[in-house]
Amino acid sequence: MQKLYKSVDDIDFFVAGITERPVSGGLLGWTFLCVVGDQFARLKKGDRFFYDLGGQPGSFKEPQLQQIRESSWARVLCDNSNMQAVQPLAFRQTNSRFNEPVPCQSPSIPRPDWSFWRGESAGK
């Protein structure tokens, strides 16, 4: 870029962002990581229905949030499909001995404790 432009002020933001070297293990460079992170934070904090914002009508209680946070994509897959086994880190490939598929009943894929919702009705 230094050879193409007289000044850094002349570089298009998007072009510079997509040509930036990605951080280790990532798809984006530092500039776009900051932009995406900032955008997500603004969307989350500006959405009064975002699941973990408290103090709103219908907000989850802290014990309920803890159960949600301990859940995983692997658990969602097991509970909503005919899968018998899945890797605990479901978004990651199974190319390592640390993320081999395990049965859906395995403690490696914990189930939420729904008792924290007992006594509540939908829409409250």
N, C-alpha and C. Protein backbone atom coordinates (compact mmCIF):
# COMPACT_ATOMS: atom_id res chain seq x y z
N MET A 1 0.84 -1.19 0.00
CA MET A 1 0.00 0.00 0.00
C MET A 1 0.88 1.25 0.00
N GLN A 2 2.00 1.14 0.70
CA GLN A 2 2.91 2.29 0.79
C GLN A 2 3.40 2.70 -0.59
N LYS A 3 3.58 1.73 -1.49
CA LYS A 3 4.05 2.03 -2.84
C LYS A 3 2.94 2.60 -3.72
N LEU A 4 1.69 2.29 -3.40
CA LEU A 4 0.57 2.71 -4.22
C LEU A 4 0.01 4.09 -3.87
N TYR A 5 0.14 4.48 -2.61
CA TYR A 5 -0.47 5.72 -2.14
C TYR A 5 0.57 6.67 -1.58
N LYS A 6 0.36 7.96 -1.83
CA LYS A 6 1.26 8.98 -1.29
C LYS A 6 1.10 9.13 0.21
N SER A 7 -0.16 8.97 0.67
CA SER A 7 -0.47 9.15 2.09
C SER A 7 -1.44 8.06 2.56
N VAL A 8 -1.34 7.68 3.82
CA VAL A 8 -2.30 6.71 4.36
C VAL A 8 -3.71 7.26 4.34
N ASP A 9 -3.85 8.56 4.31
CA ASP A 9 -5.18 9.19 4.26
C ASP A 9 -5.90 8.92 2.94
N ASP A 10 -5.16 8.51 1.92
CA ASP A 10 -5.75 8.24 0.60
C ASP A 10 -6.26 6.80 0.46
N ILE A 11 -5.94 5.94 1.39
CA ILE A 11 -6.31 4.53 1.29
C ILE A 11 -7.77 4.36 1.69
N ASP A 12 -8.52 3.64 0.87
CA ASP A 12 -9.91 3.34 1.17
C ASP A 12 -9.96 2.41 2.38
N PHE A 13 -10.82 2.73 3.33
CA PHE A 13 -10.91 1.97 4.57
C PHE A 13 -11.21 0.49 4.32
N PHE A 14 -12.19 0.20 3.46
CA PHE A 14 -12.56 -1.18 3.20
C PHE A 14 -11.43 -1.96 2.55
N VAL A 15 -10.80 -1.37 1.55
CA VAL A 15 -9.68 -2.02 0.86
C VAL A 15 -8.55 -2.31 1.85
N ALA A 16 -8.24 -1.35 2.68
CA ALA A 16 -7.18 -1.55 3.67
C ALA A 16 -7.57 -2.65 4.66
N GLY A 17 -8.84 -2.67 5.07
CA GLY A 17 -9.29 -3.66 6.04
C GLY A 17 -9.24 -5.08 5.51
N ILE A 18 -9.65 -5.28 4.25
CA ILE A 18 -9.65 -6.65 3.73
C ILE A 18 -8.26 -7.12 3.33
N THR A 19 -7.33 -6.20 3.15
CA THR A 19 -5.96 -6.62 2.81
C THR A 19 -5.07 -6.75 4.04
N GLU A 20 -5.57 -6.36 5.19
CA GLU A 20 -4.81 -6.47 6.43
C GLU A 20 -4.58 -7.95 6.77
N ARG A 21 -3.42 -8.27 7.29
CA ARG A 21 -3.13 -9.66 7.70
C ARG A 21 -4.04 -10.05 8.85
N PRO A 22 -4.63 -11.27 8.76
CA PRO A 22 -5.49 -11.72 9.85
C PRO A 22 -4.69 -11.98 11.13
N VAL A 23 -5.33 -11.83 12.26
CA VAL A 23 -4.70 -12.18 13.53
C VAL A 23 -4.54 -13.69 13.57
N SER A 24 -3.68 -14.17 14.40
CA SER A 24 -3.42 -15.60 14.50
C SER A 24 -4.72 -16.35 14.82
N GLY A 25 -5.06 -17.31 13.98
CA GLY A 25 -6.26 -18.11 14.19
C GLY A 25 -7.55 -17.43 13.78
N GLY A 26 -7.45 -16.27 13.15
CA GLY A 26 -8.65 -15.52 12.78
C GLY A 26 -8.79 -15.30 11.29
N LEU A 27 -9.88 -14.69 10.92
CA LEU A 27 -10.14 -14.35 9.52
C LEU A 27 -9.95 -12.87 9.25
N LEU A 28 -9.96 -12.06 10.32
CA LEU A 28 -9.88 -10.62 10.17
C LEU A 28 -8.61 -10.08 10.81
N GLY A 29 -8.20 -8.91 10.33
CA GLY A 29 -7.09 -8.20 10.96
C GLY A 29 -7.61 -7.36 12.11
N TRP A 30 -6.67 -6.67 12.78
CA TRP A 30 -7.05 -5.91 13.98
C TRP A 30 -8.08 -4.82 13.69
N THR A 31 -7.97 -4.15 12.57
CA THR A 31 -8.90 -3.05 12.27
C THR A 31 -10.34 -3.55 12.18
N PHE A 32 -10.56 -4.58 11.35
CA PHE A 32 -11.92 -5.08 11.19
C PHE A 32 -12.41 -5.81 12.44
N LEU A 33 -11.51 -6.41 13.22
CA LEU A 33 -11.92 -7.00 14.50
C LEU A 33 -12.51 -5.93 15.40
N CYS A 34 -11.88 -4.78 15.43
CA CYS A 34 -12.39 -3.69 16.26
C CYS A 34 -13.74 -3.20 15.76
N VAL A 35 -13.89 -3.06 14.45
CA VAL A 35 -15.15 -2.59 13.87
C VAL A 35 -16.28 -3.58 14.15
N VAL A 36 -16.03 -4.86 13.90
CA VAL A 36 -17.05 -5.89 14.12
C VAL A 36 -17.39 -5.98 15.61
N GLY A 37 -16.37 -5.95 16.46
CA GLY A 37 -16.61 -6.02 17.91
C GLY A 37 -17.42 -4.84 18.41
N ASP A 38 -17.08 -3.66 17.93
CA ASP A 38 -17.82 -2.46 18.33
C ASP A 38 -19.27 -2.54 17.85
N GLN A 39 -19.47 -2.99 16.61
CA GLN A 39 -20.83 -3.10 16.07
C GLN A 39 -21.65 -4.10 16.87
N PHE A 40 -21.06 -5.25 17.20
CA PHE A 40 -21.79 -6.24 17.99
C PHE A 40 -22.16 -5.68 19.36
N ALA A 41 -21.22 -5.00 20.01
CA ALA A 41 -21.50 -4.43 21.33
C ALA A 41 -22.64 -3.42 21.25
N ARG A 42 -22.65 -2.59 20.22
CA ARG A 42 -23.72 -1.60 20.08
C ARG A 42 -25.07 -2.26 19.81
N LEU A 43 -25.06 -3.30 18.97
CA LEU A 43 -26.32 -4.02 18.69
C LEU A 43 -26.84 -4.69 19.95
N LYS A 44 -25.95 -5.30 20.70
CA LYS A 44 -26.36 -6.00 21.92
C LYS A 44 -26.90 -5.02 22.96
N LYS A 45 -26.16 -3.97 23.23
CA LYS A 45 -26.57 -3.02 24.27
C LYS A 45 -27.79 -2.20 23.86
N GLY A 46 -28.01 -2.04 22.57
CA GLY A 46 -29.14 -1.27 22.08
C GLY A 46 -30.41 -2.09 21.90
N ASP A 47 -30.31 -3.40 22.10
CA ASP A 47 -31.46 -4.28 21.91
C ASP A 47 -31.99 -4.69 23.28
N ARG A 48 -33.08 -4.09 23.71
CA ARG A 48 -33.58 -4.38 25.06
C ARG A 48 -34.08 -5.81 25.20
N PHE A 49 -34.23 -6.53 24.09
CA PHE A 49 -34.65 -7.92 24.14
C PHE A 49 -33.48 -8.89 24.07
N PHE A 50 -32.23 -8.39 24.01
CA PHE A 50 -31.10 -9.31 23.98
C PHE A 50 -31.12 -10.15 25.25
N TYR A 51 -30.88 -11.44 25.10
CA TYR A 51 -31.20 -12.39 26.17
C TYR A 51 -30.49 -12.14 27.49
N ASP A 52 -29.30 -11.54 27.51
CA ASP A 52 -28.62 -11.43 28.80
C ASP A 52 -28.61 -10.02 29.39
N LEU A 53 -29.42 -9.14 28.84
CA LEU A 53 -29.55 -7.81 29.45
C LEU A 53 -30.59 -7.89 30.56
N GLY A 54 -30.22 -7.45 31.73
CA GLY A 54 -31.12 -7.50 32.87
C GLY A 54 -31.92 -6.22 33.02
N GLY A 55 -32.82 -6.23 33.96
CA GLY A 55 -33.58 -5.04 34.29
C GLY A 55 -34.70 -4.72 33.32
N GLN A 56 -35.03 -5.64 32.44
CA GLN A 56 -36.12 -5.43 31.49
C GLN A 56 -37.28 -6.35 31.86
N PRO A 57 -38.50 -5.99 31.48
CA PRO A 57 -39.61 -6.92 31.72
C PRO A 57 -39.32 -8.24 31.01
N GLY A 58 -39.41 -9.34 31.73
CA GLY A 58 -39.16 -10.65 31.14
C GLY A 58 -37.70 -11.05 31.10
N SER A 59 -36.79 -10.26 31.69
CA SER A 59 -35.37 -10.62 31.69
C SER A 59 -35.16 -11.94 32.43
N PHE A 60 -34.16 -12.69 31.98
CA PHE A 60 -33.80 -13.91 32.68
C PHE A 60 -33.18 -13.57 34.02
N LYS A 61 -33.40 -14.43 34.99
CA LYS A 61 -32.74 -14.29 36.30
C LYS A 61 -31.33 -14.85 36.17
N GLU A 62 -30.45 -14.44 37.07
CA GLU A 62 -29.04 -14.84 36.98
C GLU A 62 -28.85 -16.36 36.94
N PRO A 63 -29.54 -17.16 37.79
CA PRO A 63 -29.38 -18.61 37.69
C PRO A 63 -29.80 -19.17 36.32
N GLN A 64 -30.83 -18.57 35.74
CA GLN A 64 -31.27 -19.00 34.41
C GLN A 64 -30.20 -18.67 33.37
N LEU A 65 -29.64 -17.47 33.46
CA LEU A 65 -28.57 -17.08 32.54
C LEU A 65 -27.38 -18.02 32.65
N GLN A 66 -27.06 -18.43 33.87
CA GLN A 66 -25.94 -19.35 34.07
C GLN A 66 -26.20 -20.67 33.33
N GLN A 67 -27.41 -21.16 33.38
CA GLN A 67 -27.74 -22.39 32.66
C GLN A 67 -27.64 -22.20 31.15
N ILE A 68 -28.08 -21.06 30.66
CA ILE A 68 -27.97 -20.77 29.23
C ILE A 68 -26.51 -20.70 28.82
N ARG A 69 -25.68 -20.04 29.62
CA ARG A 69 -24.25 -19.89 29.31
C ARG A 69 -23.51 -21.23 29.31
N GLU A 70 -23.97 -22.16 30.13
CA GLU A 70 -23.32 -23.47 30.20
C GLU A 70 -23.77 -24.41 29.08
N SER A 71 -24.81 -24.03 28.36
CA SER A 71 -25.28 -24.83 27.25
C SER A 71 -24.33 -24.67 26.07
N SER A 72 -24.52 -25.47 25.04
CA SER A 72 -23.61 -25.43 23.89
C SER A 72 -24.36 -25.74 22.60
N TRP A 73 -23.70 -25.44 21.50
CA TRP A 73 -24.27 -25.76 20.19
C TRP A 73 -24.38 -27.28 20.04
N ALA A 74 -23.45 -28.01 20.62
CA ALA A 74 -23.53 -29.47 20.58
C ALA A 74 -24.83 -29.94 21.25
N ARG A 75 -25.19 -29.35 22.39
CA ARG A 75 -26.43 -29.73 23.07
C ARG A 75 -27.64 -29.40 22.22
N VAL A 76 -27.64 -28.23 21.57
CA VAL A 76 -28.76 -27.85 20.70
C VAL A 76 -28.90 -28.86 19.56
N LEU A 77 -27.78 -29.27 18.97
CA LEU A 77 -27.82 -30.25 17.88
C LEU A 77 -28.37 -31.58 18.38
N CYS A 78 -27.89 -32.03 19.53
CA CYS A 78 -28.36 -33.31 20.07
C CYS A 78 -29.86 -33.28 20.38
N ASP A 79 -30.32 -32.20 20.97
CA ASP A 79 -31.72 -32.12 21.40
C ASP A 79 -32.70 -31.88 20.25
N ASN A 80 -32.21 -31.44 19.12
CA ASN A 80 -33.12 -31.05 18.03
C ASN A 80 -32.86 -31.78 16.72
N SER A 81 -32.18 -32.91 16.79
CA SER A 81 -31.93 -33.69 15.59
C SER A 81 -31.91 -35.16 15.97
N ASN A 82 -31.67 -35.99 14.99
CA ASN A 82 -31.57 -37.43 15.23
C ASN A 82 -30.12 -37.86 15.44
N MET A 83 -29.25 -36.93 15.70
CA MET A 83 -27.84 -37.26 15.91
C MET A 83 -27.69 -38.10 17.18
N GLN A 84 -26.81 -39.05 17.13
CA GLN A 84 -26.53 -39.88 18.30
C GLN A 84 -25.24 -39.44 18.98
N ALA A 85 -24.35 -38.78 18.21
CA ALA A 85 -23.07 -38.33 18.75
C ALA A 85 -22.65 -37.06 18.01
N VAL A 86 -21.88 -36.24 18.70
CA VAL A 86 -21.37 -34.99 18.11
C VAL A 86 -20.12 -34.60 18.88
N GLN A 87 -19.25 -33.84 18.24
CA GLN A 87 -18.07 -33.35 18.95
C GLN A 87 -18.50 -32.27 19.94
N PRO A 88 -17.94 -32.25 21.17
CA PRO A 88 -18.34 -31.26 22.18
C PRO A 88 -18.20 -29.82 21.70
N LEU A 89 -17.16 -29.53 20.96
CA LEU A 89 -16.99 -28.20 20.36
C LEU A 89 -17.51 -28.29 18.93
N ALA A 90 -18.82 -28.19 18.78
CA ALA A 90 -19.48 -28.52 17.52
C ALA A 90 -19.07 -27.63 16.35
N PHE A 91 -18.62 -26.43 16.62
CA PHE A 91 -18.19 -25.55 15.53
C PHE A 91 -16.77 -25.87 15.06
N ARG A 92 -16.08 -26.71 15.78
CA ARG A 92 -14.70 -27.06 15.43
C ARG A 92 -14.65 -28.43 14.77
N GLN A 93 -13.66 -28.62 13.91
CA GLN A 93 -13.50 -29.90 13.22
C GLN A 93 -13.09 -30.98 14.21
N THR A 94 -13.28 -32.21 13.79
CA THR A 94 -12.95 -33.34 14.65
C THR A 94 -11.55 -33.86 14.36
N ASN A 95 -10.67 -33.00 13.91
CA ASN A 95 -9.34 -33.46 13.51
C ASN A 95 -8.35 -33.54 14.68
N SER A 96 -8.82 -33.49 15.88
CA SER A 96 -7.92 -33.64 17.02
C SER A 96 -8.53 -34.63 18.00
N ARG A 97 -7.68 -35.29 18.75
CA ARG A 97 -8.18 -36.28 19.70
C ARG A 97 -8.92 -35.63 20.86
N PHE A 98 -8.86 -34.31 20.96
CA PHE A 98 -9.53 -33.60 22.05
C PHE A 98 -10.95 -33.18 21.69
N ASN A 99 -11.37 -33.42 20.46
CA ASN A 99 -12.71 -33.02 20.05
C ASN A 99 -13.39 -34.12 19.23
N GLU A 100 -13.17 -35.35 19.62
CA GLU A 100 -13.80 -36.48 18.96
C GLU A 100 -15.28 -36.52 19.32
N PRO A 101 -16.14 -36.99 18.42
CA PRO A 101 -17.56 -37.10 18.75
C PRO A 101 -17.79 -37.99 19.97
N VAL A 102 -18.73 -37.59 20.79
CA VAL A 102 -19.13 -38.36 21.97
C VAL A 102 -20.65 -38.54 21.90
N PRO A 103 -21.17 -39.55 22.59
CA PRO A 103 -22.63 -39.73 22.59
C PRO A 103 -23.34 -38.50 23.16
N CYS A 104 -24.52 -38.22 22.66
CA CYS A 104 -25.29 -37.06 23.13
C CYS A 104 -25.61 -37.14 24.62
N GLN A 105 -25.60 -38.33 25.20
CA GLN A 105 -25.88 -38.49 26.63
C GLN A 105 -24.63 -38.24 27.49
N SER A 106 -23.50 -38.01 26.86
CA SER A 106 -22.24 -37.83 27.58
C SER A 106 -22.26 -36.58 28.45
N PRO A 107 -21.61 -36.63 29.63
CA PRO A 107 -21.48 -35.42 30.46
C PRO A 107 -20.65 -34.32 29.79
N SER A 108 -19.95 -34.68 28.71
CA SER A 108 -19.19 -33.68 27.95
C SER A 108 -20.10 -32.69 27.24
N ILE A 109 -21.36 -33.07 27.11
CA ILE A 109 -22.36 -32.20 26.48
C ILE A 109 -23.47 -32.01 27.51
N PRO A 110 -23.26 -31.12 28.49
CA PRO A 110 -24.22 -31.00 29.60
C PRO A 110 -25.60 -30.49 29.16
N ARG A 111 -26.60 -30.91 29.92
CA ARG A 111 -27.97 -30.45 29.69
C ARG A 111 -28.27 -29.29 30.65
N PRO A 112 -29.01 -28.31 30.19
CA PRO A 112 -29.43 -27.24 31.11
C PRO A 112 -30.34 -27.80 32.19
N ASP A 113 -30.30 -27.22 33.34
CA ASP A 113 -31.21 -27.58 34.43
C ASP A 113 -32.44 -26.68 34.31
N TRP A 114 -33.52 -27.24 33.78
CA TRP A 114 -34.72 -26.46 33.51
C TRP A 114 -35.50 -26.12 34.77
N SER A 115 -35.10 -26.64 35.92
CA SER A 115 -35.83 -26.35 37.15
C SER A 115 -35.79 -24.86 37.50
N PHE A 116 -34.82 -24.13 36.99
CA PHE A 116 -34.74 -22.68 37.26
C PHE A 116 -35.88 -21.90 36.58
N TRP A 117 -36.61 -22.57 35.69
CA TRP A 117 -37.75 -21.94 35.02
C TRP A 117 -39.07 -22.42 35.61
N ARG A 118 -39.02 -23.30 36.59
CA ARG A 118 -40.24 -23.87 37.17
C ARG A 118 -41.11 -22.76 37.75
N GLY A 119 -42.39 -22.85 37.51
CA GLY A 119 -43.33 -21.88 38.04
C GLY A 119 -43.53 -20.66 37.16
N GLU A 120 -42.77 -20.56 36.09
CA GLU A 120 -42.93 -19.41 35.18
C GLU A 120 -43.80 -19.84 34.01
N SER A 121 -44.56 -18.90 33.49
CA SER A 121 -45.36 -19.20 32.32
C SER A 121 -44.84 -18.41 31.14
N ALA A 122 -45.10 -18.89 29.96
CA ALA A 122 -44.64 -18.22 28.75
C ALA A 122 -45.25 -16.83 28.65
N GLY A 123 -44.46 -15.90 28.17
CA GLY A 123 -44.97 -14.54 27.98
C GLY A 123 -44.81 -13.65 29.20
N LYS A 124 -44.27 -14.17 30.29
CA LYS A 124 -44.08 -13.35 31.49
C LYS A 124 -42.72 -12.72 31.48
